[in-house]
C-alpha atoms as a PDB file:
ATOM      1  CA  MET A   1      69.886  18.712  -8.211  1.00  0.00           C
ATOM      2  CA  ASN A   2      70.675  20.084 -11.646  1.00  0.00           C
ATOM      3  CA  CYS A   3      68.480  22.921 -11.982  1.00  0.00           C
ATOM      4  CA  ASN A   4      69.737  23.535 -15.821  1.00  0.00           C
ATOM      5  CA  ASP A   5      67.174  20.753 -16.781  1.00  0.00           C
ATOM      6  CA  THR A   6      64.510  22.019 -19.237  1.00  0.00           C
ATOM      7  CA  ARG A   7      61.920  23.641 -17.079  1.00  0.00           C
ATOM      8  CA  PRO A   8      61.880  20.552 -14.380  1.00  0.00           C
ATOM      9  CA  ASP A   9      58.336  19.512 -13.129  1.00  0.00           C
ATOM     10  CA  PHE A  10      57.722  20.161  -9.366  1.00  0.00           C
ATOM     11  CA  VAL A  11      54.682  18.715  -7.234  1.00  0.00           C
ATOM     12  CA  ASP A  12      53.716  19.945  -3.632  1.00  0.00           C
ATOM     13  CA  ALA A  13      51.730  18.006  -1.067  1.00  0.00           C
ATOM     14  CA  THR A  14      48.345  19.489  -2.733  1.00  0.00           C
ATOM     15  CA  PHE A  15      49.443  17.849  -5.957  1.00  0.00           C
ATOM     16  CA  PHE A  16      50.490  14.197  -4.656  1.00  0.00           C
ATOM     17  CA  LEU A  17      47.813  13.756  -2.484  1.00  0.00           C
ATOM     18  CA  GLY A  18      45.423  14.861  -5.142  1.00  0.00           C
ATOM     19  CA  MET A  19      45.576  11.315  -6.263  1.00  0.00           C
ATOM     20  CA  HIS A  20      43.221  10.970  -3.166  1.00  0.00           C
ATOM     21  CA  ASP A  21      41.664  14.162  -3.111  1.00  0.00           C
ATOM     22  CA  ASN A  22      37.780  13.474  -2.836  1.00  0.00           C
ATOM     23  CA  ASP A  23      36.974  16.198  -5.575  1.00  0.00           C
ATOM     24  CA  PRO A  24      36.743  13.844  -8.992  1.00  0.00           C
ATOM     25  CA  ASP A  25      38.617  16.932 -11.182  1.00  0.00           C
ATOM     26  CA  ARG A  26      41.735  17.544  -8.824  1.00  0.00           C
ATOM     27  CA  ARG A  27      42.089  13.471  -8.321  1.00  0.00           C
ATOM     28  CA  MET A  28      42.117  13.159 -12.238  1.00  0.00           C
ATOM     29  CA  GLN A  29      44.533  16.251 -12.630  1.00  0.00           C
ATOM     30  CA  SER A  30      46.898  14.339 -10.164  1.00  0.00           C
ATOM     31  CA  LEU A  31      46.633  11.086 -11.657  1.00  0.00           C
ATOM     32  CA  ASP A  32      47.174  12.393 -15.224  1.00  0.00           C
ATOM     33  CA  LEU A  33      50.515  13.507 -14.141  1.00  0.00           C
ATOM     34  CA  PHE A  34      51.549  10.816 -12.117  1.00  0.00           C
ATOM     35  CA  SER A  35      50.585   8.085 -14.612  1.00  0.00           C
ATOM     36  CA  ARG A  36      52.152  10.168 -17.512  1.00  0.00           C
ATOM     37  CA  MET A  37      55.565  10.627 -15.526  1.00  0.00           C
ATOM     38  CA  GLN A  38      56.553   6.895 -15.024  1.00  0.00           C
ATOM     39  CA  MET A  39      59.640   7.748 -16.953  1.00  0.00           C
ATOM     40  CA  ARG A  40      60.409  11.047 -16.555  1.00  0.00           C
ATOM     41  CA  SER A  41      61.724  13.146 -13.250  1.00  0.00           C
ATOM     42  CA  LEU A  42      59.593  14.855 -10.671  1.00  0.00           C
ATOM     43  CA  HIS A  43      60.861  17.086  -8.030  1.00  0.00           C
ATOM     44  CA  MET A  44      59.411  17.545  -4.545  1.00  0.00           C
ATOM     45  CA  SER A  45      60.811  19.297  -1.640  1.00  0.00           C
ATOM     46  CA  LEU A  46      61.658  17.261   1.649  1.00  0.00           C
ATOM     47  CA  GLU A  47      59.406  19.456   3.330  1.00  0.00           C
ATOM     48  CA  GLN A  48      56.378  18.804   0.848  1.00  0.00           C
ATOM     49  CA  VAL A  49      57.083  15.050   1.195  1.00  0.00           C
ATOM     50  CA  GLY A  50      57.144  15.293   4.999  1.00  0.00           C
ATOM     51  CA  LEU A  51      53.772  17.042   5.082  1.00  0.00           C
ATOM     52  CA  CYS A  52      52.133  14.612   3.087  1.00  0.00           C
ATOM     53  CA  ASP A  53      53.393  11.917   5.820  1.00  0.00           C
ATOM     54  CA  ASP A  54      52.250  14.304   8.321  1.00  0.00           C
ATOM     55  CA  VAL A  55      48.455  13.999   6.819  1.00  0.00           C
ATOM     56  CA  ILE A  56      48.489  10.507   6.598  1.00  0.00           C
ATOM     57  CA  TRP A  57      49.884   9.662   9.867  1.00  0.00           C
ATOM     58  CA  HIS A  58      46.907  11.331  11.307  1.00  0.00           C
ATOM     59  CA  ARG A  59      44.450   9.059   9.567  1.00  0.00           C
ATOM     60  CA  SER A  60      43.060   5.732  10.826  1.00  0.00           C
ATOM     61  CA  ARG A  61      45.450   2.738  10.779  1.00  0.00           C
ATOM     62  CA  GLN A  62      42.978   1.100   8.375  1.00  0.00           C
ATOM     63  CA  GLU A  63      43.662   3.670   5.850  1.00  0.00           C
ATOM     64  CA  GLN A  64      47.394   4.048   6.510  1.00  0.00           C
ATOM     65  CA  ASP A  65      47.992   0.319   6.003  1.00  0.00           C
ATOM     66  CA  ALA A  66      45.810   0.661   2.554  1.00  0.00           C
ATOM     67  CA  TYR A  67      47.669   3.935   1.379  1.00  0.00           C
ATOM     68  CA  TYR A  68      51.302   3.032   2.380  1.00  0.00           C
ATOM     69  CA  PRO A  69      51.681   0.334  -0.062  1.00  0.00           C
ATOM     70  CA  PHE A  70      50.928   2.379  -3.338  1.00  0.00           C
ATOM     71  CA  MET A  71      52.846   5.265  -1.902  1.00  0.00           C
ATOM     72  CA  ASP A  72      56.066   3.478  -1.104  1.00  0.00           C
ATOM     73  CA  ASN A  73      55.698   1.785  -4.521  1.00  0.00           C
ATOM     74  CA  LEU A  74      55.178   4.782  -6.377  1.00  0.00           C
ATOM     75  CA  HIS A  75      58.093   6.357  -4.728  1.00  0.00           C
ATOM     76  CA  THR A  76      60.202   3.358  -5.678  1.00  0.00           C
ATOM     77  CA  LEU A  77      59.213   2.945  -9.201  1.00  0.00           C
ATOM     78  CA  MET A  78      59.162   6.728 -10.066  1.00  0.00           C
ATOM     79  CA  ARG A  79      62.059   9.350 -10.286  1.00  0.00           C
ATOM     80  CA  ILE A  80      60.756  11.567  -7.493  1.00  0.00           C
ATOM     81  CA  GLU A  81      63.862  13.658  -6.664  1.00  0.00           C
ATOM     82  CA  ARG A  82      63.328  14.920  -3.119  1.00  0.00           C
ATOM     83  CA  ILE A  83      65.237  17.664  -2.384  1.00  0.00           C
ATOM     84  CA  GLY A  84      66.102  20.429   0.427  1.00  0.00           C
ATOM     85  CA  TYR A  85      65.644  23.944   0.013  1.00  0.00           C
ATOM     86  CA  THR A  86      68.992  26.109  -0.681  1.00  0.00           C
ATOM     87  CA  ARG A  87      70.272  29.309   0.997  1.00  0.00           C
ATOM     88  CA  GLY A  88      68.771  30.885  -2.081  1.00  0.00           C
ATOM     89  CA  ASP A  89      65.333  29.444  -1.755  1.00  0.00           C
ATOM     90  CA  LEU A  90      65.332  30.689   1.621  1.00  0.00           C
ATOM     91  CA  SER A  91      66.542  34.152   0.656  1.00  0.00           C
ATOM     92  CA  LEU A  92      64.011  34.255  -1.958  1.00  0.00           C
ATOM     93  CA  ALA A  93      61.120  33.325   0.194  1.00  0.00           C
ATOM     94  CA  LEU A  94      62.036  36.003   2.958  1.00  0.00           C
ATOM     95  CA  LYS A  95      63.095  39.003   0.512  1.00  0.00           C
ATOM     96  CA  ASP A  96      61.320  38.668  -2.543  1.00  0.00           C
ATOM     97  CA  PRO A  97      57.919  40.858  -2.489  1.00  0.00           C
ATOM     98  CA  ARG A  98      56.106  38.156  -4.797  1.00  0.00           C
ATOM     99  CA  VAL A  99      56.943  35.622  -2.527  1.00  0.00           C
ATOM    100  CA  ARG A 100      57.514  36.877   1.394  1.00  0.00           C
ATOM    101  CA  HIS A 101      53.648  37.430   2.039  1.00  0.00           C
ATOM    102  CA  LEU A 102      53.073  33.900   1.697  1.00  0.00           C
ATOM    103  CA  PRO A 103      53.173  31.474   4.704  1.00  0.00           C
ATOM    104  CA  PRO A 104      56.767  29.818   5.196  1.00  0.00           C
ATOM    105  CA  SER A 105      56.108  26.366   3.474  1.00  0.00           C
ATOM    106  CA  GLN A 106      54.376  27.803   0.477  1.00  0.00           C
ATOM    107  CA  ALA A 107      56.961  30.810   0.070  1.00  0.00           C
ATOM    108  CA  CYS A 108      60.012  28.171   0.032  1.00  0.00           C
ATOM    109  CA  THR A 109      58.347  25.658  -2.261  1.00  0.00           C
ATOM    110  CA  ILE A 110      57.639  28.376  -4.836  1.00  0.00           C
ATOM    111  CA  ALA A 111      60.894  30.137  -4.074  1.00  0.00           C
ATOM    112  CA  GLN A 112      62.781  26.792  -5.049  1.00  0.00           C
ATOM    113  CA  VAL A 113      60.441  26.304  -8.208  1.00  0.00           C
ATOM    114  CA  ILE A 114      61.369  29.840  -9.121  1.00  0.00           C
ATOM    115  CA  ASN A 115      65.263  29.421  -8.457  1.00  0.00           C
ATOM    116  CA  CYS A 116      65.163  26.448 -10.716  1.00  0.00           C
ATOM    117  CA  ASN A 117      63.064  27.791 -13.489  1.00  0.00           C
ATOM    118  CA  GLY A 118      60.812  24.968 -12.816  1.00  0.00           C
ATOM    119  CA  LYS A 119      56.935  24.403 -13.134  1.00  0.00           C
ATOM    120  CA  LEU A 120      54.875  23.635 -10.099  1.00  0.00           C
ATOM    121  CA  HIS A 121      52.069  21.186 -10.203  1.00  0.00           C
ATOM    122  CA  THR A 122      49.369  22.362  -7.311  1.00  0.00           C
ATOM    123  CA  HIS A 123      46.051  22.499  -6.344  1.00  0.00           C
ATOM    124  CA  ASP A 124      46.935  25.207  -3.643  1.00  0.00           C
ATOM    125  CA  PRO A 125      44.009  27.758  -4.397  1.00  0.00           C
ATOM    126  CA  GLN A 126      46.409  30.703  -2.989  1.00  0.00           C
ATOM    127  CA  LEU A 127      49.301  29.915  -5.713  1.00  0.00           C
ATOM    128  CA  LEU A 128      46.765  29.362  -8.584  1.00  0.00           C
ATOM    129  CA  GLN A 129      45.230  32.773  -7.862  1.00  0.00           C
ATOM    130  CA  ASP A 130      48.341  34.878  -7.540  1.00  0.00           C
ATOM    131  CA  SER A 131      48.986  35.714 -11.018  1.00  0.00           C
ATOM    132  CA  SER A 132      52.628  36.856 -10.171  1.00  0.00           C
ATOM    133  CA  PHE A 133      53.238  32.780 -10.166  1.00  0.00           C
ATOM    134  CA  HIS A 134      51.504  32.031 -13.141  1.00  0.00           C
ATOM    135  CA  PRO A 135      55.104  31.720 -14.864  1.00  0.00           C
ATOM    136  CA  TRP A 136      56.148  28.904 -12.689  1.00  0.00           C
ATOM    137  CA  LEU A 137      52.782  27.028 -12.579  1.00  0.00           C
ATOM    138  CA  ALA A 138      52.523  24.008 -14.857  1.00  0.00           C
ATOM    139  CA  PRO A 139      49.199  23.858 -16.750  1.00  0.00           C
ATOM    140  CA  VAL A 140      46.350  21.970 -15.827  1.00  0.00           C
ATOM    141  CA  SER A 141      45.941  18.851 -17.741  1.00  0.00           C
ATOM    142  CA  LEU A 142      42.349  17.724 -19.083  1.00  0.00           C
ATOM    143  CA  GLN A 143      43.599  14.250 -20.191  1.00  0.00           C
ATOM    144  CA  PRO A 144      42.161  11.246 -18.595  1.00  0.00           C
ATOM    145  CA  PRO A 145      44.936   9.365 -16.773  1.00  0.00           C
ATOM    146  CA  LEU A 146      46.372   6.469 -17.943  1.00  0.00           C
ATOM    147  CA  PRO A 147      46.159   3.558 -15.508  1.00  0.00           C
ATOM    148  CA  PHE A 148      49.500   2.670 -13.377  1.00  0.00           C
ATOM    149  CA  PRO A 149      51.184  -0.499 -14.456  1.00  0.00           C
ATOM    150  CA  ALA A 150      50.448  -3.560 -12.572  1.00  0.00           C
ATOM    151  CA  PRO A 151      50.761  -4.059  -9.616  1.00  0.00           C
ATOM    152  CA  LEU A 152      50.917  -0.351  -8.719  1.00  0.00           C
ATOM    153  CA  ASP A 153      47.541   0.089 -10.069  1.00  0.00           C
ATOM    154  CA  GLY A 154      45.773  -2.305  -7.816  1.00  0.00           C
ATOM    155  CA  LEU A 155      48.015  -0.924  -4.767  1.00  0.00           C
ATOM    156  CA  TYR A 156      46.398   2.186  -5.831  1.00  0.00           C
ATOM    157  CA  GLN A 157      42.723   0.953  -5.949  1.00  0.00           C
ATOM    158  CA  ASP A 158      43.166  -0.414  -2.925  1.00  0.00           C
ATOM    159  CA  SER A 159      44.638   2.913  -1.406  1.00  0.00           C
ATOM    160  CA  LEU A 160      41.353   4.679  -2.535  1.00  0.00           C
ATOM    161  CA  CYS A 161      39.611   3.676   0.700  1.00  0.00           C
ATOM    162  CA  LEU A 162      41.238   6.775   2.094  1.00  0.00           C
ATOM    163  CA  THR A 163      40.062  10.103   0.678  1.00  0.00           C
ATOM    164  CA  LEU A 164      40.829  13.708   1.552  1.00  0.00           C
ATOM    165  CA  ALA A 165      39.334  16.914   1.069  1.00  0.00           C
ATOM    166  CA  LEU A 166      41.888  19.702  -0.298  1.00  0.00           C
ATOM    167  CA  GLN A 167      42.162  21.565   3.086  1.00  0.00           C
ATOM    168  CA  GLU A 168      43.504  18.074   4.318  1.00  0.00           C
ATOM    169  CA  SER A 169      46.409  18.155   1.558  1.00  0.00           C
ATOM    170  CA  ARG A 170      47.670  21.361   2.716  1.00  0.00           C
ATOM    171  CA  TYR A 171      49.508  22.283   6.051  1.00  0.00           C
ATOM    172  CA  VAL A 172      47.053  24.665   7.177  1.00  0.00           C
END
């Protein structure tokens, strides 16, 4: 990944799964980002991608069958750069006093964003409430989301038989 990009956008599992959040405000915030970023690049750590899968694999077969066609097509159509943590990310997560108090998944995620001077789109209340992370957190959008292009929008509508509480979209 080229960390010299102008403030790359990162998403975590809370924000990706936020498209299926049972809270309408969080769902609209997530949908707004993903519907507007069709031609731009998003970054997501491999661990956060895996956390999303882990959440969905614990749902019913019917919910999985409705969800995965949308998710698979979204990952194919969008430029979502799935990246691993670097030694620098791990070092910052373990040693930086701003970060080291967090659980490992959160610490590595925010460390990756800090090292790339990115901005993280998250619904994680612990990260949102900690003012030391505000320089690396993306502002919340209050715009209504655009519909996804066809046929992705139809797949999204079908996938809404699966909804999640925020606690289900975080690895807790």
